[in-house]
PDB file of N, CA and C in Angstrom:
ATOM      1  N   MET A   1      45.062  48.828-115.949  1.00  0.00           N
ATOM      2  CA  MET A   1      45.809  49.638-116.726  1.00  0.00           C
ATOM      3  C   MET A   1      46.174  51.059-115.924  1.00  0.00           C
ATOM      4  N   PRO A   2      47.333  51.389-115.982  1.00  0.00           N
ATOM      5  CA  PRO A   2      47.820  52.694-115.254  1.00  0.00           C
ATOM      6  C   PRO A   2      47.053  54.001-116.127  1.00  0.00           C
ATOM      7  N   SER A   3      46.711  54.947-115.173  1.00  0.00           N
ATOM      8  CA  SER A   3      46.234  56.214-115.645  1.00  0.00           C
ATOM      9  C   SER A   3      47.532  56.949-116.303  1.00  0.00           C
ATOM     10  N   SER A   4      47.030  58.059-116.919  1.00  0.00           N
ATOM     11  CA  SER A   4      48.047  58.992-117.144  1.00  0.00           C
ATOM     12  C   SER A   4      48.886  59.543-116.151  1.00  0.00           C
ATOM     13  N   LYS A   5      48.308  59.823-115.116  1.00  0.00           N
ATOM     14  CA  LYS A   5      48.855  60.359-113.895  1.00  0.00           C
ATOM     15  C   LYS A   5      49.726  59.207-113.214  1.00  0.00           C
ATOM     16  N   GLN A   6      49.363  57.966-113.275  1.00  0.00           N
ATOM     17  CA  GLN A   6      50.198  56.905-112.832  1.00  0.00           C
ATOM     18  C   GLN A   6      51.482  56.856-113.519  1.00  0.00           C
ATOM     19  N   ALA A   7      51.369  56.961-114.833  1.00  0.00           N
ATOM     20  CA  ALA A   7      52.479  56.756-115.784  1.00  0.00           C
ATOM     21  C   ALA A   7      53.555  57.803-115.519  1.00  0.00           C
ATOM     22  N   VAL A   8      52.897  59.170-115.404  1.00  0.00           N
ATOM     23  CA  VAL A   8      53.992  60.166-114.987  1.00  0.00           C
ATOM     24  C   VAL A   8      54.512  59.851-113.656  1.00  0.00           C
ATOM     25  N   LYS A   9      53.815  59.441-112.606  1.00  0.00           N
ATOM     26  CA  LYS A   9      54.539  59.174-111.402  1.00  0.00           C
ATOM     27  C   LYS A   9      55.604  58.181-111.428  1.00  0.00           C
ATOM     28  N   GLU A  10      55.215  57.070-112.278  1.00  0.00           N
ATOM     29  CA  GLU A  10      56.223  55.997-112.300  1.00  0.00           C
ATOM     30  C   GLU A  10      57.583  56.450-113.144  1.00  0.00           C
ATOM     31  N   ILE A  11      57.367  57.124-113.968  1.00  0.00           N
ATOM     32  CA  ILE A  11      58.386  57.704-114.835  1.00  0.00           C
ATOM     33  C   ILE A  11      59.322  58.630-114.056  1.00  0.00           C
ATOM     34  N   LEU A  12      58.647  59.532-113.096  1.00  0.00           N
ATOM     35  CA  LEU A  12      59.398  60.432-112.214  1.00  0.00           C
ATOM     36  C   LEU A  12      60.078  59.557-111.160  1.00  0.00           C
ATOM     37  N   GLU A  13      59.542  58.459-110.672  1.00  0.00           N
ATOM     38  CA  GLU A  13      60.423  57.545-109.858  1.00  0.00           C
ATOM     39  C   GLU A  13      61.471  57.008-110.353  1.00  0.00           C
ATOM     40  N   ALA A  14      61.296  56.656-111.651  1.00  0.00           N
ATOM     41  CA  ALA A  14      62.521  55.889-112.470  1.00  0.00           C
ATOM     42  C   ALA A  14      63.565  56.777-112.782  1.00  0.00           C
ATOM     43  N   LEU A  15      63.332  58.105-113.093  1.00  0.00           N
ATOM     44  CA  LEU A  15      64.049  59.144-113.597  1.00  0.00           C
ATOM     45  C   LEU A  15      63.884  60.429-112.874  1.00  0.00           C
ATOM     46  N   PRO A  16      64.242  60.494-111.743  1.00  0.00           N
ATOM     47  CA  PRO A  16      64.022  61.609-110.768  1.00  0.00           C
ATOM     48  C   PRO A  16      64.743  62.974-111.247  1.00  0.00           C
ATOM     49  N   THR A  17      65.579  62.791-111.932  1.00  0.00           N
ATOM     50  CA  THR A  17      66.335  64.141-112.463  1.00  0.00           C
ATOM     51  C   THR A  17      65.777  64.645-113.799  1.00  0.00           C
ATOM     52  N   LEU A  18      64.623  63.968-114.151  1.00  0.00           N
ATOM     53  CA  LEU A  18      64.150  64.571-115.573  1.00  0.00           C
ATOM     54  C   LEU A  18      63.843  65.977-115.480  1.00  0.00           C
ATOM     55  N   LEU A  19      63.683  66.672-116.527  1.00  0.00           N
ATOM     56  CA  LEU A  19      63.323  67.957-116.577  1.00  0.00           C
ATOM     57  C   LEU A  19      61.928  68.161-116.605  1.00  0.00           C
ATOM     58  N   ALA A  20      61.160  67.303-117.503  1.00  0.00           N
ATOM     59  CA  ALA A  20      59.777  67.406-117.704  1.00  0.00           C
ATOM     60  C   ALA A  20      59.294  66.154-118.217  1.00  0.00           C
ATOM     61  N   VAL A  21      58.147  65.784-117.866  1.00  0.00           N
ATOM     62  CA  VAL A  21      57.327  64.814-118.443  1.00  0.00           C
ATOM     63  C   VAL A  21      55.948  65.021-118.648  1.00  0.00           C
ATOM     64  N   ALA A  22      55.292  64.539-119.631  1.00  0.00           N
ATOM     65  CA  ALA A  22      53.693  64.721-119.990  1.00  0.00           C
ATOM     66  C   ALA A  22      53.259  63.616-120.699  1.00  0.00           C
ATOM     67  N   VAL A  23      52.114  63.157-120.299  1.00  0.00           N
ATOM     68  CA  VAL A  23      51.119  62.227-121.283  1.00  0.00           C
ATOM     69  C   VAL A  23      50.372  63.221-121.794  1.00  0.00           C
ATOM     70  N   VAL A  24      50.252  63.071-123.302  1.00  0.00           N
ATOM     71  CA  VAL A  24      49.626  64.086-124.066  1.00  0.00           C
ATOM     72  C   VAL A  24      48.696  63.306-124.887  1.00  0.00           C
ATOM     73  N   GLU A  25      47.510  63.921-125.250  1.00  0.00           N
ATOM     74  CA  GLU A  25      46.565  63.597-126.229  1.00  0.00           C
ATOM     75  C   GLU A  25      47.021  63.832-127.480  1.00  0.00           C
ATOM     76  N   THR A  26      47.267  62.921-128.511  1.00  0.00           N
ATOM     77  CA  THR A  26      47.678  63.311-129.761  1.00  0.00           C
ATOM     78  C   THR A  26      46.699  64.240-130.532  1.00  0.00           C
ATOM     79  N   GLU A  27      45.509  63.901-130.525  1.00  0.00           N
ATOM     80  CA  GLU A  27      44.621  64.585-131.241  1.00  0.00           C
ATOM     81  C   GLU A  27      44.467  66.373-130.836  1.00  0.00           C
ATOM     82  N   THR A  28      44.464  66.505-129.751  1.00  0.00           N
ATOM     83  CA  THR A  28      44.170  67.832-129.184  1.00  0.00           C
ATOM     84  C   THR A  28      45.735  68.592-128.752  1.00  0.00           C
ATOM     85  N   GLY A  29      46.593  67.867-128.343  1.00  0.00           N
ATOM     86  CA  GLY A  29      47.814  68.349-127.796  1.00  0.00           C
ATOM     87  C   GLY A  29      47.729  68.606-126.305  1.00  0.00           C
ATOM     88  N   MET A  30      46.699  68.284-125.709  1.00  0.00           N
ATOM     89  CA  MET A  30      46.389  68.660-124.329  1.00  0.00           C
ATOM     90  C   MET A  30      46.982  67.620-123.490  1.00  0.00           C
ATOM     91  N   PRO A  31      47.850  68.161-122.492  1.00  0.00           N
ATOM     92  CA  PRO A  31      48.516  67.254-121.598  1.00  0.00           C
ATOM     93  C   PRO A  31      47.489  66.560-120.493  1.00  0.00           C
ATOM     94  N   LEU A  32      47.415  65.174-120.339  1.00  0.00           N
ATOM     95  CA  LEU A  32      46.581  64.634-119.535  1.00  0.00           C
ATOM     96  C   LEU A  32      47.034  64.516-118.147  1.00  0.00           C
ATOM     97  N   ALA A  33      48.395  64.479-118.059  1.00  0.00           N
ATOM     98  CA  ALA A  33      49.125  64.499-116.865  1.00  0.00           C
ATOM     99  C   ALA A  33      50.510  65.051-117.044  1.00  0.00           C
ATOM    100  N   SER A  34      51.062  65.738-116.235  1.00  0.00           N
ATOM    101  CA  SER A  34      52.374  66.247-116.499  1.00  0.00           C
ATOM    102  C   SER A  34      53.125  66.414-115.231  1.00  0.00           C
ATOM    103  N   HIS A  35      54.515  66.642-115.138  1.00  0.00           N
ATOM    104  CA  HIS A  35      55.311  67.109-114.040  1.00  0.00           C
ATOM    105  C   HIS A  35      56.646  67.900-114.657  1.00  0.00           C
ATOM    106  N   SER A  36      57.111  68.882-114.079  1.00  0.00           N
ATOM    107  CA  SER A  36      58.256  69.556-114.392  1.00  0.00           C
ATOM    108  C   SER A  36      59.005  69.678-113.042  1.00  0.00           C
ATOM    109  N   ASN A  37      60.394  69.495-113.258  1.00  0.00           N
ATOM    110  CA  ASN A  37      61.250  69.932-112.099  1.00  0.00           C
ATOM    111  C   ASN A  37      61.754  71.270-112.252  1.00  0.00           C
ATOM    112  N   ILE A  38      61.369  71.936-113.312  1.00  0.00           N
ATOM    113  CA  ILE A  38      61.900  73.372-113.569  1.00  0.00           C
ATOM    114  C   ILE A  38      60.732  74.287-113.580  1.00  0.00           C
ATOM    115  N   ALA A  39      60.627  75.242-112.803  1.00  0.00           N
ATOM    116  CA  ALA A  39      59.520  76.202-112.917  1.00  0.00           C
ATOM    117  C   ALA A  39      59.317  76.840-114.290  1.00  0.00           C
ATOM    118  N   GLU A  40      60.296  77.230-114.833  1.00  0.00           N
ATOM    119  CA  GLU A  40      60.280  77.998-116.112  1.00  0.00           C
ATOM    120  C   GLU A  40      59.811  77.051-117.344  1.00  0.00           C
ATOM    121  N   PHE A  41      59.911  75.679-117.208  1.00  0.00           N
ATOM    122  CA  PHE A  41      59.402  74.914-118.273  1.00  0.00           C
ATOM    123  C   PHE A  41      57.942  74.815-118.376  1.00  0.00           C
ATOM    124  N   ASP A  42      57.455  75.358-119.484  1.00  0.00           N
ATOM    125  CA  ASP A  42      56.104  75.293-119.821  1.00  0.00           C
ATOM    126  C   ASP A  42      55.652  74.139-120.599  1.00  0.00           C
ATOM    127  N   ILE A  43      55.230  73.319-119.828  1.00  0.00           N
ATOM    128  CA  ILE A  43      54.766  71.860-120.285  1.00  0.00           C
ATOM    129  C   ILE A  43      53.713  71.918-121.276  1.00  0.00           C
ATOM    130  N   ASP A  44      52.695  72.890-121.007  1.00  0.00           N
ATOM    131  CA  ASP A  44      51.580  72.979-122.053  1.00  0.00           C
ATOM    132  C   ASP A  44      52.105  73.302-123.325  1.00  0.00           C
ATOM    133  N   THR A  45      53.104  74.400-123.427  1.00  0.00           N
ATOM    134  CA  THR A  45      53.609  74.833-124.798  1.00  0.00           C
ATOM    135  C   THR A  45      54.444  73.596-125.315  1.00  0.00           C
ATOM    136  N   ALA A  46      55.207  73.014-124.599  1.00  0.00           N
ATOM    137  CA  ALA A  46      56.039  71.810-125.075  1.00  0.00           C
ATOM    138  C   ALA A  46      55.040  70.832-125.543  1.00  0.00           C
ATOM    139  N   ALA A  47      53.922  70.502-124.854  1.00  0.00           N
ATOM    140  CA  ALA A  47      52.923  69.399-125.224  1.00  0.00           C
ATOM    141  C   ALA A  47      52.326  69.673-126.756  1.00  0.00           C
ATOM    142  N   ALA A  48      51.988  71.206-126.839  1.00  0.00           N
ATOM    143  CA  ALA A  48      51.387  71.583-128.017  1.00  0.00           C
ATOM    144  C   ALA A  48      52.479  71.521-129.263  1.00  0.00           C
ATOM    145  N   TYR A  49      53.525  71.884-128.995  1.00  0.00           N
ATOM    146  CA  TYR A  49      54.495  71.989-130.136  1.00  0.00           C
ATOM    147  C   TYR A  49      54.948  70.387-130.491  1.00  0.00           C
ATOM    148  N   ASN A  50      55.085  69.702-129.529  1.00  0.00           N
ATOM    149  CA  ASN A  50      55.527  68.249-129.863  1.00  0.00           C
ATOM    150  C   ASN A  50      54.301  67.455-130.466  1.00  0.00           C
ATOM    151  N   THR A  51      53.068  67.945-130.269  1.00  0.00           N
ATOM    152  CA  THR A  51      51.976  67.273-130.976  1.00  0.00           C
ATOM    153  C   THR A  51      51.981  67.442-132.334  1.00  0.00           C
ATOM    154  N   GLU A  52      52.454  68.624-132.651  1.00  0.00           N
ATOM    155  CA  GLU A  52      52.680  69.126-134.072  1.00  0.00           C
ATOM    156  C   GLU A  52      53.862  68.160-134.819  1.00  0.00           C
ATOM    157  N   VAL A  53      54.935  67.946-133.955  1.00  0.00           N
ATOM    158  CA  VAL A  53      55.868  67.038-134.383  1.00  0.00           C
ATOM    159  C   VAL A  53      55.566  65.634-134.759  1.00  0.00           C
ATOM    160  N   VAL A  54      54.576  65.037-133.665  1.00  0.00           N
ATOM    161  CA  VAL A  54      54.075  63.798-133.920  1.00  0.00           C
ATOM    162  C   VAL A  54      53.007  63.773-135.055  1.00  0.00           C
ATOM    163  N   LYS A  55      52.260  64.677-135.335  1.00  0.00           N
ATOM    164  CA  LYS A  55      51.401  64.598-136.310  1.00  0.00           C
ATOM    165  C   LYS A  55      51.968  64.770-137.669  1.00  0.00           C
ATOM    166  N   GLN A  56      52.951  65.586-137.945  1.00  0.00           N
ATOM    167  CA  GLN A  56      53.716  65.731-139.253  1.00  0.00           C
ATOM    168  C   GLN A  56      54.523  64.495-139.544  1.00  0.00           C
ATOM    169  N   LYS A  57      54.960  63.882-138.418  1.00  0.00           N
ATOM    170  CA  LYS A  57      55.748  62.595-138.780  1.00  0.00           C
ATOM    171  C   LYS A  57      54.847  61.505-139.109  1.00  0.00           C
ATOM    172  N   LEU A  58      53.548  61.390-138.600  1.00  0.00           N
ATOM    173  CA  LEU A  58      52.518  60.506-139.042  1.00  0.00           C
ATOM    174  C   LEU A  58      52.189  60.822-140.404  1.00  0.00           C
ATOM    175  N   LYS A  59      51.937  62.024-140.714  1.00  0.00           N
ATOM    176  CA  LYS A  59      51.563  62.355-142.023  1.00  0.00           C
ATOM    177  C   LYS A  59      52.641  62.044-143.085  1.00  0.00           C
ATOM    178  N   ALA A  60      53.883  62.286-142.883  1.00  0.00           N
ATOM    179  CA  ALA A  60      55.028  61.985-143.675  1.00  0.00           C
ATOM    180  C   ALA A  60      55.070  60.508-143.979  1.00  0.00           C
ATOM    181  N   ILE A  61      54.840  59.673-142.912  1.00  0.00           N
ATOM    182  CA  ILE A  61      54.927  58.149-143.135  1.00  0.00           C
ATOM    183  C   ILE A  61      53.841  57.760-144.041  1.00  0.00           C
ATOM    184  N   GLN A  62      52.508  58.322-143.945  1.00  0.00           N
ATOM    185  CA  GLN A  62      51.349  58.015-144.787  1.00  0.00           C
ATOM    186  C   GLN A  62      51.709  58.596-145.961  1.00  0.00           C
ATOM    187  N   ALA A  63      52.251  59.823-146.218  1.00  0.00           N
ATOM    188  CA  ALA A  63      52.380  60.288-147.665  1.00  0.00           C
ATOM    189  C   ALA A  63      53.504  59.481-148.442  1.00  0.00           C
ATOM    190  N   LEU A  64      54.335  58.987-147.768  1.00  0.00           N
ATOM    191  CA  LEU A  64      55.548  58.013-148.282  1.00  0.00           C
ATOM    192  C   LEU A  64      55.134  56.649-148.566  1.00  0.00           C
ATOM    193  N   LYS A  65      53.974  56.350-147.962  1.00  0.00           N
ATOM    194  CA  LYS A  65      53.236  55.048-148.216  1.00  0.00           C
ATOM    195  C   LYS A  65      54.155  53.973-147.525  1.00  0.00           C
ATOM    196  N   LEU A  66      54.719  54.337-146.494  1.00  0.00           N
ATOM    197  CA  LEU A  66      55.506  53.455-145.648  1.00  0.00           C
ATOM    198  C   LEU A  66      54.665  52.537-144.893  1.00  0.00           C
ATOM    199  N   ASN A  67      54.844  51.372-144.811  1.00  0.00           N
ATOM    200  CA  ASN A  67      53.974  50.298-143.888  1.00  0.00           C
ATOM    201  C   ASN A  67      54.796  50.150-142.587  1.00  0.00           C
ATOM    202  N   GLN A  68      54.991  51.493-141.872  1.00  0.00           N
ATOM    203  CA  GLN A  68      55.620  51.590-140.625  1.00  0.00           C
ATOM    204  C   GLN A  68      54.859  52.244-139.674  1.00  0.00           C
ATOM    205  N   SER A  69      55.260  51.970-138.464  1.00  0.00           N
ATOM    206  CA  SER A  69      54.706  52.920-137.305  1.00  0.00           C
ATOM    207  C   SER A  69      55.876  53.558-136.499  1.00  0.00           C
ATOM    208  N   VAL A  70      55.419  54.532-135.740  1.00  0.00           N
ATOM    209  CA  VAL A  70      56.516  55.267-135.137  1.00  0.00           C
ATOM    210  C   VAL A  70      56.842  54.591-133.802  1.00  0.00           C
ATOM    211  N   GLN A  71      58.039  54.256-133.529  1.00  0.00           N
ATOM    212  CA  GLN A  71      58.487  53.678-132.188  1.00  0.00           C
ATOM    213  C   GLN A  71      58.819  54.765-131.402  1.00  0.00           C
ATOM    214  N   ASP A  72      59.467  55.783-131.533  1.00  0.00           N
ATOM    215  CA  ASP A  72      59.714  56.897-130.879  1.00  0.00           C
ATOM    216  C   ASP A  72      60.331  58.104-131.747  1.00  0.00           C
ATOM    217  N   ILE A  73      60.516  59.258-131.039  1.00  0.00           N
ATOM    218  CA  ILE A  73      60.967  60.389-131.791  1.00  0.00           C
ATOM    219  C   ILE A  73      61.913  61.041-130.813  1.00  0.00           C
ATOM    220  N   LEU A  74      63.272  61.059-131.233  1.00  0.00           N
ATOM    221  CA  LEU A  74      64.509  61.681-130.365  1.00  0.00           C
ATOM    222  C   LEU A  74      64.784  62.964-130.839  1.00  0.00           C
ATOM    223  N   LEU A  75      64.822  63.932-130.238  1.00  0.00           N
ATOM    224  CA  LEU A  75      65.462  65.326-130.434  1.00  0.00           C
ATOM    225  C   LEU A  75      66.676  65.465-129.662  1.00  0.00           C
ATOM    226  N   THR A  76      67.644  65.710-130.025  1.00  0.00           N
ATOM    227  CA  THR A  76      68.945  65.890-129.384  1.00  0.00           C
ATOM    228  C   THR A  76      69.216  67.484-129.403  1.00  0.00           C
ATOM    229  N   LEU A  77      69.293  67.906-128.365  1.00  0.00           N
ATOM    230  CA  LEU A  77      69.624  69.348-128.256  1.00  0.00           C
ATOM    231  C   LEU A  77      71.138  69.599-127.602  1.00  0.00           C
ATOM    232  N   THR A  78      71.671  70.534-127.428  1.00  0.00           N
ATOM    233  CA  THR A  78      72.985  70.890-126.929  1.00  0.00           C
ATOM    234  C   THR A  78      73.269  70.162-125.736  1.00  0.00           C
ATOM    235  N   ASP A  79      72.411  70.218-124.725  1.00  0.00           N
ATOM    236  CA  ASP A  79      72.636  69.390-123.425  1.00  0.00           C
ATOM    237  C   ASP A  79      71.440  68.789-122.974  1.00  0.00           C
ATOM    238  N   GLN A  80      70.373  68.411-123.904  1.00  0.00           N
ATOM    239  CA  GLN A  80      69.226  67.875-123.481  1.00  0.00           C
ATOM    240  C   GLN A  80      68.569  66.769-124.394  1.00  0.00           C
ATOM    241  N   LEU A  81      68.042  65.821-124.024  1.00  0.00           N
ATOM    242  CA  LEU A  81      67.218  64.838-124.818  1.00  0.00           C
ATOM    243  C   LEU A  81      65.810  65.103-124.732  1.00  0.00           C
ATOM    244  N   HIS A  82      65.101  65.031-125.709  1.00  0.00           N
ATOM    245  CA  HIS A  82      63.657  65.159-125.746  1.00  0.00           C
ATOM    246  C   HIS A  82      63.212  64.018-126.544  1.00  0.00           C
ATOM    247  N   LEU A  83      62.327  63.002-125.874  1.00  0.00           N
ATOM    248  CA  LEU A  83      62.017  61.844-126.347  1.00  0.00           C
ATOM    249  C   LEU A  83      60.521  61.749-126.310  1.00  0.00           C
ATOM    250  N   ILE A  84      59.879  61.338-127.412  1.00  0.00           N
ATOM    251  CA  ILE A  84      58.471  61.087-127.652  1.00  0.00           C
ATOM    252  C   ILE A  84      58.059  59.725-127.844  1.00  0.00           C
ATOM    253  N   LYS A  85      57.196  59.090-127.112  1.00  0.00           N
ATOM    254  CA  LYS A  85      56.985  57.771-127.342  1.00  0.00           C
ATOM    255  C   LYS A  85      55.495  57.650-127.326  1.00  0.00           C
ATOM    256  N   LEU A  86      54.953  57.029-128.510  1.00  0.00           N
ATOM    257  CA  LEU A  86      53.567  56.938-128.716  1.00  0.00           C
ATOM    258  C   LEU A  86      52.841  55.787-128.274  1.00  0.00           C
ATOM    259  N   SER A  87      51.770  55.908-127.707  1.00  0.00           N
ATOM    260  CA  SER A  87      51.029  54.598-127.399  1.00  0.00           C
ATOM    261  C   SER A  87      50.793  53.622-128.340  1.00  0.00           C
ATOM    262  N   PRO A  88      50.312  52.494-127.978  1.00  0.00           N
ATOM    263  CA  PRO A  88      50.107  51.348-129.167  1.00  0.00           C
ATOM    264  C   PRO A  88      49.023  51.929-130.173  1.00  0.00           C
ATOM    265  N   LYS A  89      48.085  52.574-129.771  1.00  0.00           N
ATOM    266  CA  LYS A  89      47.067  53.199-130.679  1.00  0.00           C
ATOM    267  C   LYS A  89      47.379  54.541-131.240  1.00  0.00           C
ATOM    268  N   ALA A  90      48.544  55.161-130.836  1.00  0.00           N
ATOM    269  CA  ALA A  90      48.980  56.457-131.343  1.00  0.00           C
ATOM    270  C   ALA A  90      48.005  57.552-130.868  1.00  0.00           C
ATOM    271  N   ASP A  91      47.123  57.338-130.060  1.00  0.00           N
ATOM    272  CA  ASP A  91      46.103  58.360-129.479  1.00  0.00           C
ATOM    273  C   ASP A  91      46.694  59.176-128.359  1.00  0.00           C
ATOM    274  N   LYS A  92      47.822  58.678-127.838  1.00  0.00           N
ATOM    275  CA  LYS A  92      48.528  59.521-126.716  1.00  0.00           C
ATOM    276  C   LYS A  92      49.827  59.301-127.049  1.00  0.00           C
ATOM    277  N   PHE A  93      50.714  60.157-126.310  1.00  0.00           N
ATOM    278  CA  PHE A  93      52.261  60.124-126.477  1.00  0.00           C
ATOM    279  C   PHE A  93      52.806  60.513-125.096  1.00  0.00           C
ATOM    280  N   ILE A  94      53.985  59.991-124.748  1.00  0.00           N
ATOM    281  CA  ILE A  94      54.665  60.426-123.641  1.00  0.00           C
ATOM    282  C   ILE A  94      55.812  61.418-124.116  1.00  0.00           C
ATOM    283  N   TYR A  95      55.751  62.476-123.448  1.00  0.00           N
ATOM    284  CA  TYR A  95      56.945  63.426-123.836  1.00  0.00           C
ATOM    285  C   TYR A  95      57.832  63.585-122.792  1.00  0.00           C
ATOM    286  N   LEU A  96      59.234  63.282-122.840  1.00  0.00           N
ATOM    287  CA  LEU A  96      60.157  63.309-121.840  1.00  0.00           C
ATOM    288  C   LEU A  96      61.355  64.305-122.219  1.00  0.00           C
ATOM    289  N   ALA A  97      61.636  65.215-121.280  1.00  0.00           N
ATOM    290  CA  ALA A  97      62.742  66.086-121.448  1.00  0.00           C
ATOM    291  C   ALA A  97      63.867  65.814-120.375  1.00  0.00           C
ATOM    292  N   VAL A  98      65.028  65.381-120.797  1.00  0.00           N
ATOM    293  CA  VAL A  98      66.031  65.139-119.605  1.00  0.00           C
ATOM    294  C   VAL A  98      67.364  65.887-120.042  1.00  0.00           C
ATOM    295  N   ASN A  99      68.219  66.075-118.982  1.00  0.00           N
ATOM    296  CA  ASN A  99      69.770  66.490-119.366  1.00  0.00           C
ATOM    297  C   ASN A  99      70.488  65.288-119.934  1.00  0.00           C
ATOM    298  N   SER A 100      71.077  65.454-121.050  1.00  0.00           N
ATOM    299  CA  SER A 100      71.792  64.393-121.535  1.00  0.00           C
ATOM    300  C   SER A 100      73.002  63.673-120.713  1.00  0.00           C
ATOM    301  N   ARG A 101      73.618  64.626-120.027  1.00  0.00           N
ATOM    302  CA  ARG A 101      74.604  64.092-119.149  1.00  0.00           C
ATOM    303  C   ARG A 101      74.172  63.289-117.935  1.00  0.00           C
ATOM    304  N   ASP A 102      72.954  63.450-117.497  1.00  0.00           N
ATOM    305  CA  ASP A 102      72.417  62.720-116.513  1.00  0.00           C
ATOM    306  C   ASP A 102      71.569  61.458-116.683  1.00  0.00           C
ATOM    307  N   THR A 103      71.187  61.387-118.006  1.00  0.00           N
ATOM    308  CA  THR A 103      70.474  60.289-118.408  1.00  0.00           C
ATOM    309  C   THR A 103      70.945  59.236-119.440  1.00  0.00           C
ATOM    310  N   ASN A 104      70.680  57.978-119.191  1.00  0.00           N
ATOM    311  CA  ASN A 104      71.103  57.037-120.119  1.00  0.00           C
ATOM    312  C   ASN A 104      69.890  56.856-121.190  1.00  0.00           C
ATOM    313  N   LEU A 105      70.233  57.175-122.279  1.00  0.00           N
ATOM    314  CA  LEU A 105      69.020  57.173-123.419  1.00  0.00           C
ATOM    315  C   LEU A 105      68.478  55.617-123.467  1.00  0.00           C
ATOM    316  N   ALA A 106      69.140  54.666-123.376  1.00  0.00           N
ATOM    317  CA  ALA A 106      68.456  53.438-123.431  1.00  0.00           C
ATOM    318  C   ALA A 106      67.585  53.200-122.314  1.00  0.00           C
ATOM    319  N   VAL A 107      67.935  53.416-121.169  1.00  0.00           N
ATOM    320  CA  VAL A 107      67.205  53.283-119.832  1.00  0.00           C
ATOM    321  C   VAL A 107      65.917  54.150-120.250  1.00  0.00           C
ATOM    322  N   ALA A 108      66.046  55.184-120.474  1.00  0.00           N
ATOM    323  CA  ALA A 108      64.811  56.249-120.672  1.00  0.00           C
ATOM    324  C   ALA A 108      64.003  55.622-121.622  1.00  0.00           C
ATOM    325  N   ARG A 109      64.396  55.345-122.836  1.00  0.00           N
ATOM    326  CA  ARG A 109      63.552  54.493-123.790  1.00  0.00           C
ATOM    327  C   ARG A 109      62.902  53.363-123.180  1.00  0.00           C
ATOM    328  N   GLN A 110      63.545  52.551-122.467  1.00  0.00           N
ATOM    329  CA  GLN A 110      63.016  51.408-121.869  1.00  0.00           C
ATOM    330  C   GLN A 110      61.832  51.632-120.968  1.00  0.00           C
ATOM    331  N   ILE A 111      61.969  52.713-120.340  1.00  0.00           N
ATOM    332  CA  ILE A 111      60.942  53.095-119.154  1.00  0.00           C
ATOM    333  C   ILE A 111      59.757  53.718-119.970  1.00  0.00           C
ATOM    334  N   LEU A 112      60.004  54.413-121.056  1.00  0.00           N
ATOM    335  CA  LEU A 112      58.777  55.097-121.795  1.00  0.00           C
ATOM    336  C   LEU A 112      58.206  53.908-122.442  1.00  0.00           C
ATOM    337  N   LYS A 113      58.865  53.072-123.064  1.00  0.00           N
ATOM    338  CA  LYS A 113      58.240  51.860-123.585  1.00  0.00           C
ATOM    339  C   LYS A 113      57.174  51.171-122.739  1.00  0.00           C
ATOM    340  N   SER A 114      57.760  50.795-121.510  1.00  0.00           N
ATOM    341  CA  SER A 114      56.858  50.056-120.631  1.00  0.00           C
ATOM    342  C   SER A 114      55.565  50.915-120.365  1.00  0.00           C
ATOM    343  N   GLN A 115      55.736  52.221-119.952  1.00  0.00           N
ATOM    344  CA  GLN A 115      54.678  53.134-119.635  1.00  0.00           C
ATOM    345  C   GLN A 115      53.742  53.249-120.677  1.00  0.00           C
ATOM    346  N   SER A 116      54.289  53.443-122.046  1.00  0.00           N
ATOM    347  CA  SER A 116      53.379  53.752-123.031  1.00  0.00           C
ATOM    348  C   SER A 116      52.441  52.687-123.400  1.00  0.00           C
ATOM    349  N   ALA A 117      52.947  51.413-123.312  1.00  0.00           N
ATOM    350  CA  ALA A 117      52.380  50.107-123.772  1.00  0.00           C
ATOM    351  C   ALA A 117      51.099  49.938-122.929  1.00  0.00           C
ATOM    352  N   VAL A 118      50.967  50.527-121.750  1.00  0.00           N
ATOM    353  CA  VAL A 118      49.920  50.257-120.957  1.00  0.00           C
ATOM    354  C   VAL A 118      48.927  51.507-120.818  1.00  0.00           C
ATOM    355  N   LEU A 119      49.153  52.459-121.457  1.00  0.00           N
ATOM    356  CA  LEU A 119      48.401  53.674-121.349  1.00  0.00           C
ATOM    357  C   LEU A 119      46.982  53.332-121.848  1.00  0.00           C
ATOM    358  N   ASN A 120      45.978  53.775-120.943  1.00  0.00           N
ATOM    359  CA  ASN A 120      44.513  53.495-121.344  1.00  0.00           C
ATOM    360  C   ASN A 120      43.931  54.652-121.971  1.00  0.00           C
TER     361      ASN A 120
END
């Protein structure tokens, strides 16, 4: 099984124009591995806030008594896409930020799906 660092490396190879990517521990919000192509992009802050997004969505699903699991969470900004993909156990997630004009959303989702499925 690939490590968090290997997952980040493979995502970067598949999406070289990404803004940032991180594998984050869901419980603590700590990035296990990360990369940013923009010096000003604070990946630790992004990981912490997106951890809260994930936790709140999981709580909402539980409160609504939905028999569902989160596939991914998409945040569409003015010219960016932020995609969160949970691992099968939901103990980790991959956070990806890309320019919307440079990235095909379907391709990005497929890449994250393959990498999140094998996170250990």
